[in-house]
Every structure is written in C-alpha cells, then in structure tokens.
Amino acid sequence: MKIDKDTQGKIQELQVLEQNFQQILLQKQAFQLELNETNSALSELGKSNEIYKIVGNIMLKTEKQDVEKELKEKSEILALRLKSLEKQESIFKDKTEKLREEVVKSVKSSEN
C-alpha cells in the first residue's frame, strides 16, 4: 500500500496536533492542581488567626487579609488560564478529529 504525499503530510500534521494537544492537557492538569492547592490554602486560611508566609528562606508573619487577597487573585488568574486552555483543548480536539477523518478516508481510498 502506497500513501500519497498529501496524505503523508496530513499524517505528520496530525502527529504535531496530537503532540500539541497532549501539551495542552499537561498544562491544564498543572493549572488545575495549582488551583486546587490555592483553594485549599484559602479554606485553611479561614481556620487560622496567625498567618505566616514563606519568602525565600524566611517565614514571616503576615496580615490575614493580605494573604487572602493574594490567594483570591491567584485563584481568579488560574481559573482564567484554565478557561483559555479548555478553549484551546476544544479547538485542537476538533482539528485533530477532522484531520484524522481525512487521513482515514485517504488511506481507505488508496487501498482501493
């Protein structure tokens, strides 16, 4: 079975798309983990009166409302990044599926 150059190009493009898709999934997973940690820290913050923050190699006593504000901002930014990655994931998924269908059709037609 011989595959034409156009189909070979589509197969290579499909492989690149799948690699990019995997990278997006890894980034999404990392952001989800960081968001979970941030939200966990926010919930723990409500249980404590004395708050300490690690800056470099030093632990400093910090105002609760400052840390709370910082964590909420971080949480919002992470949520926005996740939304962006989810949109990219959807786009890559659609492109990958369409290209995969084209490749399958081309391979099937070259078999005949």
N, C-alpha and C. Protein backbone atom coordinates (compact mmCIF):
# COMPACT_ATOMS: atom_id res chain seq x y z
N MET A 1 0.85 -1.19 0.00
CA MET A 1 0.00 0.00 0.00
C MET A 1 0.89 1.24 0.00
N LYS A 2 0.62 2.13 -0.94
CA LYS A 2 1.40 3.36 -1.05
C LYS A 2 0.50 4.55 -0.71
N ILE A 3 1.00 5.41 0.15
CA ILE A 3 0.24 6.59 0.57
C ILE A 3 0.80 7.80 -0.16
N ASP A 4 -0.09 8.62 -0.74
CA ASP A 4 0.39 9.78 -1.49
C ASP A 4 0.98 10.84 -0.55
N LYS A 5 1.69 11.78 -1.14
CA LYS A 5 2.40 12.80 -0.34
C LYS A 5 1.44 13.68 0.45
N ASP A 6 0.29 13.96 -0.12
CA ASP A 6 -0.69 14.79 0.57
C ASP A 6 -1.14 14.10 1.87
N THR A 7 -1.40 12.80 1.77
CA THR A 7 -1.83 12.05 2.95
C THR A 7 -0.69 11.95 3.96
N GLN A 8 0.53 11.77 3.49
CA GLN A 8 1.68 11.72 4.40
C GLN A 8 1.82 13.05 5.15
N GLY A 9 1.61 14.14 4.42
CA GLY A 9 1.66 15.46 5.06
C GLY A 9 0.58 15.62 6.12
N LYS A 10 -0.60 15.10 5.81
CA LYS A 10 -1.70 15.17 6.78
C LYS A 10 -1.39 14.32 8.01
N ILE A 11 -0.77 13.19 7.80
CA ILE A 11 -0.40 12.32 8.93
C ILE A 11 0.61 13.03 9.82
N GLN A 12 1.59 13.69 9.22
CA GLN A 12 2.58 14.43 10.01
C GLN A 12 1.91 15.58 10.76
N GLU A 13 1.01 16.28 10.07
CA GLU A 13 0.29 17.37 10.72
C GLU A 13 -0.55 16.85 11.89
N LEU A 14 -1.15 15.69 11.70
CA LEU A 14 -1.94 15.06 12.75
C LEU A 14 -1.08 14.72 13.96
N GLN A 15 0.11 14.22 13.71
CA GLN A 15 1.02 13.90 14.81
C GLN A 15 1.41 15.16 15.59
N VAL A 16 1.67 16.24 14.88
CA VAL A 16 2.02 17.51 15.54
C VAL A 16 0.83 18.01 16.37
N LEU A 17 -0.36 17.94 15.79
CA LEU A 17 -1.56 18.37 16.51
C LEU A 17 -1.77 17.55 17.78
N GLU A 18 -1.55 16.24 17.69
CA GLU A 18 -1.72 15.38 18.86
C GLU A 18 -0.68 15.69 19.93
N GLN A 19 0.55 16.01 19.52
CA GLN A 19 1.57 16.39 20.49
C GLN A 19 1.20 17.70 21.18
N ASN A 20 0.73 18.66 20.40
CA ASN A 20 0.30 19.94 20.98
C ASN A 20 -0.89 19.75 21.91
N PHE A 21 -1.79 18.87 21.52
CA PHE A 21 -2.96 18.56 22.34
C PHE A 21 -2.51 17.97 23.68
N GLN A 22 -1.54 17.09 23.65
CA GLN A 22 -1.02 16.49 24.88
C GLN A 22 -0.38 17.56 25.77
N GLN A 23 0.34 18.50 25.17
CA GLN A 23 0.95 19.59 25.94
C GLN A 23 -0.11 20.45 26.62
N ILE A 24 -1.18 20.71 25.90
CA ILE A 24 -2.28 21.49 26.49
C ILE A 24 -2.89 20.75 27.67
N LEU A 25 -3.07 19.44 27.52
CA LEU A 25 -3.64 18.64 28.61
C LEU A 25 -2.72 18.66 29.83
N LEU A 26 -1.41 18.59 29.61
CA LEU A 26 -0.47 18.64 30.73
C LEU A 26 -0.51 19.99 31.42
N GLN A 27 -0.56 21.07 30.63
CA GLN A 27 -0.65 22.41 31.22
C GLN A 27 -1.95 22.56 32.01
N LYS A 28 -3.03 22.07 31.44
CA LYS A 28 -4.32 22.15 32.11
C LYS A 28 -4.28 21.42 33.45
N GLN A 29 -3.69 20.24 33.43
CA GLN A 29 -3.58 19.45 34.66
C GLN A 29 -2.76 20.19 35.71
N ALA A 30 -1.66 20.82 35.29
CA ALA A 30 -0.82 21.57 36.23
C ALA A 30 -1.58 22.76 36.82
N PHE A 31 -2.32 23.48 35.99
CA PHE A 31 -3.09 24.61 36.48
C PHE A 31 -4.22 24.17 37.40
N GLN A 32 -4.85 23.04 37.09
CA GLN A 32 -5.91 22.52 37.96
C GLN A 32 -5.34 22.17 39.33
N LEU A 33 -4.17 21.55 39.33
CA LEU A 33 -3.53 21.20 40.59
C LEU A 33 -3.20 22.45 41.40
N GLU A 34 -2.65 23.45 40.73
CA GLU A 34 -2.30 24.69 41.42
C GLU A 34 -3.55 25.40 41.94
N LEU A 35 -4.62 25.37 41.15
CA LEU A 35 -5.88 25.99 41.58
C LEU A 35 -6.44 25.27 42.81
N ASN A 36 -6.38 23.94 42.80
CA ASN A 36 -6.84 23.17 43.96
C ASN A 36 -6.03 23.50 45.21
N GLU A 37 -4.71 23.62 45.05
CA GLU A 37 -3.85 23.97 46.18
C GLU A 37 -4.18 25.37 46.70
N THR A 38 -4.41 26.29 45.79
CA THR A 38 -4.74 27.67 46.17
C THR A 38 -6.07 27.72 46.91
N ASN A 39 -7.06 27.02 46.39
CA ASN A 39 -8.36 26.99 47.06
C ASN A 39 -8.29 26.30 48.42
N SER A 40 -7.46 25.29 48.52
CA SER A 40 -7.24 24.61 49.80
C SER A 40 -6.59 25.56 50.80
N ALA A 41 -5.62 26.32 50.33
CA ALA A 41 -4.96 27.30 51.21
C ALA A 41 -5.96 28.37 51.66
N LEU A 42 -6.84 28.78 50.76
CA LEU A 42 -7.87 29.77 51.13
C LEU A 42 -8.80 29.23 52.21
N SER A 43 -9.18 27.96 52.08
CA SER A 43 -10.08 27.40 53.09
C SER A 43 -9.37 27.23 54.43
N GLU A 44 -8.10 26.88 54.40
CA GLU A 44 -7.32 26.76 55.64
C GLU A 44 -7.09 28.12 56.28
N LEU A 45 -7.00 29.13 55.45
CA LEU A 45 -6.78 30.49 55.93
C LEU A 45 -7.91 30.94 56.86
N GLY A 46 -9.12 30.49 56.57
CA GLY A 46 -10.27 30.86 57.39
C GLY A 46 -10.23 30.25 58.78
N LYS A 47 -9.44 29.19 58.95
CA LYS A 47 -9.39 28.48 60.23
C LYS A 47 -8.32 29.04 61.17
N SER A 48 -7.47 29.92 60.65
CA SER A 48 -6.33 30.40 61.44
C SER A 48 -6.42 31.90 61.71
N ASN A 49 -5.84 32.28 62.85
CA ASN A 49 -5.75 33.70 63.18
C ASN A 49 -4.37 34.25 62.87
N GLU A 50 -3.35 33.44 63.10
CA GLU A 50 -1.98 33.85 62.81
C GLU A 50 -1.56 33.24 61.48
N ILE A 51 -1.11 34.10 60.57
CA ILE A 51 -0.75 33.67 59.23
C ILE A 51 0.73 33.95 59.00
N TYR A 52 1.41 32.96 58.47
CA TYR A 52 2.83 33.09 58.12
C TYR A 52 3.00 32.80 56.64
N LYS A 53 3.92 33.54 56.05
CA LYS A 53 4.18 33.39 54.62
C LYS A 53 5.67 33.14 54.44
N ILE A 54 5.99 32.21 53.56
CA ILE A 54 7.40 31.92 53.28
C ILE A 54 7.87 32.82 52.15
N VAL A 55 8.91 33.60 52.44
CA VAL A 55 9.52 34.47 51.45
C VAL A 55 10.99 34.09 51.37
N GLY A 56 11.35 33.43 50.27
CA GLY A 56 12.71 32.93 50.15
C GLY A 56 12.93 31.83 51.17
N ASN A 57 13.91 32.02 52.05
CA ASN A 57 14.20 31.06 53.10
C ASN A 57 13.68 31.51 54.46
N ILE A 58 12.83 32.53 54.46
CA ILE A 58 12.35 33.12 55.72
C ILE A 58 10.83 32.99 55.81
N MET A 59 10.35 32.70 57.01
CA MET A 59 8.91 32.67 57.27
C MET A 59 8.56 33.94 58.03
N LEU A 60 7.64 34.71 57.47
CA LEU A 60 7.25 35.98 58.06
C LEU A 60 5.79 35.96 58.47
N LYS A 61 5.50 36.61 59.60
CA LYS A 61 4.11 36.77 60.00
C LYS A 61 3.49 37.80 59.07
N THR A 62 2.28 37.49 58.59
CA THR A 62 1.65 38.33 57.58
C THR A 62 0.21 38.61 57.97
N GLU A 63 -0.31 39.70 57.46
CA GLU A 63 -1.70 40.04 57.70
C GLU A 63 -2.60 39.07 56.94
N LYS A 64 -3.62 38.59 57.62
CA LYS A 64 -4.53 37.60 57.05
C LYS A 64 -5.21 38.13 55.79
N GLN A 65 -5.71 39.37 55.84
CA GLN A 65 -6.43 39.92 54.69
C GLN A 65 -5.52 40.09 53.47
N ASP A 66 -4.22 40.37 53.69
CA ASP A 66 -3.29 40.50 52.56
C ASP A 66 -3.11 39.15 51.86
N VAL A 67 -2.92 38.12 52.65
CA VAL A 67 -2.74 36.78 52.08
C VAL A 67 -4.02 36.32 51.40
N GLU A 68 -5.14 36.60 52.03
CA GLU A 68 -6.43 36.21 51.46
C GLU A 68 -6.65 36.89 50.10
N LYS A 69 -6.35 38.18 50.02
CA LYS A 69 -6.48 38.93 48.78
C LYS A 69 -5.56 38.34 47.71
N GLU A 70 -4.33 38.06 48.09
CA GLU A 70 -3.35 37.50 47.17
C GLU A 70 -3.79 36.13 46.63
N LEU A 71 -4.30 35.29 47.52
CA LEU A 71 -4.74 33.96 47.10
C LEU A 71 -5.99 34.02 46.21
N LYS A 72 -6.90 34.94 46.51
CA LYS A 72 -8.10 35.10 45.68
C LYS A 72 -7.73 35.57 44.27
N GLU A 73 -6.78 36.51 44.19
CA GLU A 73 -6.32 36.99 42.88
C GLU A 73 -5.67 35.86 42.10
N LYS A 74 -4.84 35.09 42.80
CA LYS A 74 -4.17 33.96 42.16
C LYS A 74 -5.20 32.94 41.65
N SER A 75 -6.21 32.69 42.45
CA SER A 75 -7.26 31.76 42.09
C SER A 75 -8.01 32.24 40.84
N GLU A 76 -8.31 33.53 40.78
CA GLU A 76 -9.00 34.09 39.61
C GLU A 76 -8.15 33.96 38.35
N ILE A 77 -6.87 34.26 38.47
CA ILE A 77 -5.95 34.16 37.32
C ILE A 77 -5.86 32.72 36.84
N LEU A 78 -5.74 31.79 37.78
CA LEU A 78 -5.66 30.37 37.41
C LEU A 78 -6.95 29.90 36.74
N ALA A 79 -8.08 30.37 37.23
CA ALA A 79 -9.36 29.99 36.63
C ALA A 79 -9.46 30.52 35.19
N LEU A 80 -8.97 31.74 34.96
CA LEU A 80 -8.97 32.30 33.60
C LEU A 80 -8.04 31.50 32.68
N ARG A 81 -6.88 31.14 33.18
CA ARG A 81 -5.95 30.34 32.38
C ARG A 81 -6.55 28.98 32.04
N LEU A 82 -7.25 28.40 33.01
CA LEU A 82 -7.91 27.12 32.75
C LEU A 82 -8.97 27.25 31.67
N LYS A 83 -9.75 28.31 31.72
CA LYS A 83 -10.77 28.53 30.68
C LYS A 83 -10.11 28.65 29.31
N SER A 84 -9.03 29.39 29.26
CA SER A 84 -8.30 29.56 28.00
C SER A 84 -7.79 28.21 27.49
N LEU A 85 -7.23 27.42 28.38
CA LEU A 85 -6.71 26.10 27.99
C LEU A 85 -7.84 25.17 27.55
N GLU A 86 -8.98 25.29 28.19
CA GLU A 86 -10.13 24.46 27.80
C GLU A 86 -10.61 24.82 26.40
N LYS A 87 -10.58 26.13 26.07
CA LYS A 87 -10.94 26.55 24.71
C LYS A 87 -9.94 25.99 23.70
N GLN A 88 -8.64 26.12 24.04
CA GLN A 88 -7.61 25.58 23.15
C GLN A 88 -7.76 24.07 22.99
N GLU A 89 -8.06 23.40 24.09
CA GLU A 89 -8.26 21.95 24.06
C GLU A 89 -9.38 21.59 23.10
N SER A 90 -10.47 22.32 23.17
CA SER A 90 -11.62 22.07 22.31
C SER A 90 -11.25 22.29 20.84
N ILE A 91 -10.54 23.37 20.56
CA ILE A 91 -10.13 23.67 19.19
C ILE A 91 -9.21 22.58 18.64
N PHE A 92 -8.22 22.19 19.43
CA PHE A 92 -7.29 21.15 18.99
C PHE A 92 -8.00 19.82 18.81
N LYS A 93 -8.92 19.53 19.68
CA LYS A 93 -9.66 18.27 19.59
C LYS A 93 -10.46 18.22 18.29
N ASP A 94 -11.13 19.33 17.96
CA ASP A 94 -11.91 19.39 16.71
C ASP A 94 -11.00 19.25 15.49
N LYS A 95 -9.90 20.01 15.49
CA LYS A 95 -8.96 19.94 14.36
C LYS A 95 -8.41 18.53 14.20
N THR A 96 -8.05 17.91 15.32
CA THR A 96 -7.49 16.57 15.29
C THR A 96 -8.49 15.56 14.74
N GLU A 97 -9.72 15.65 15.20
CA GLU A 97 -10.75 14.71 14.73
C GLU A 97 -11.01 14.87 13.23
N LYS A 98 -11.11 16.12 12.75
CA LYS A 98 -11.35 16.37 11.33
C LYS A 98 -10.19 15.83 10.49
N LEU A 99 -8.97 16.12 10.93
CA LEU A 99 -7.80 15.67 10.18
C LEU A 99 -7.69 14.15 10.19
N ARG A 100 -8.01 13.54 11.33
CA ARG A 100 -7.97 12.08 11.43
C ARG A 100 -8.97 11.45 10.45
N GLU A 101 -10.16 12.03 10.36
CA GLU A 101 -11.16 11.54 9.41
C GLU A 101 -10.67 11.65 7.97
N GLU A 102 -10.03 12.78 7.65
CA GLU A 102 -9.48 12.96 6.30
C GLU A 102 -8.42 11.91 5.99
N VAL A 103 -7.55 11.66 6.96
CA VAL A 103 -6.48 10.68 6.77
C VAL A 103 -7.07 9.29 6.56
N VAL A 104 -8.04 8.92 7.37
CA VAL A 104 -8.67 7.60 7.25
C VAL A 104 -9.32 7.46 5.87
N LYS A 105 -10.02 8.50 5.42
CA LYS A 105 -10.65 8.46 4.09
C LYS A 105 -9.59 8.30 3.00
N SER A 106 -8.50 9.06 3.12
CA SER A 106 -7.44 8.99 2.12
C SER A 106 -6.80 7.61 2.08
N VAL A 107 -6.56 7.05 3.24
CA VAL A 107 -5.93 5.71 3.31
C VAL A 107 -6.87 4.67 2.72
N LYS A 108 -8.15 4.76 3.06
CA LYS A 108 -9.13 3.81 2.54
C LYS A 108 -9.25 3.91 1.02
N SER A 109 -9.25 5.14 0.52
CA SER A 109 -9.37 5.31 -0.93
C SER A 109 -8.11 4.86 -1.67
N SER A 110 -6.94 4.95 -1.02
CA SER A 110 -5.71 4.49 -1.66
C SER A 110 -5.60 2.97 -1.64
N GLU A 111 -6.34 2.34 -0.75
CA GLU A 111 -6.36 0.86 -0.70
C GLU A 111 -7.16 0.31 -1.88
N ASN A 112 -8.13 1.06 -2.35
CA ASN A 112 -8.99 0.58 -3.44
C ASN A 112 -8.37 0.76 -4.79
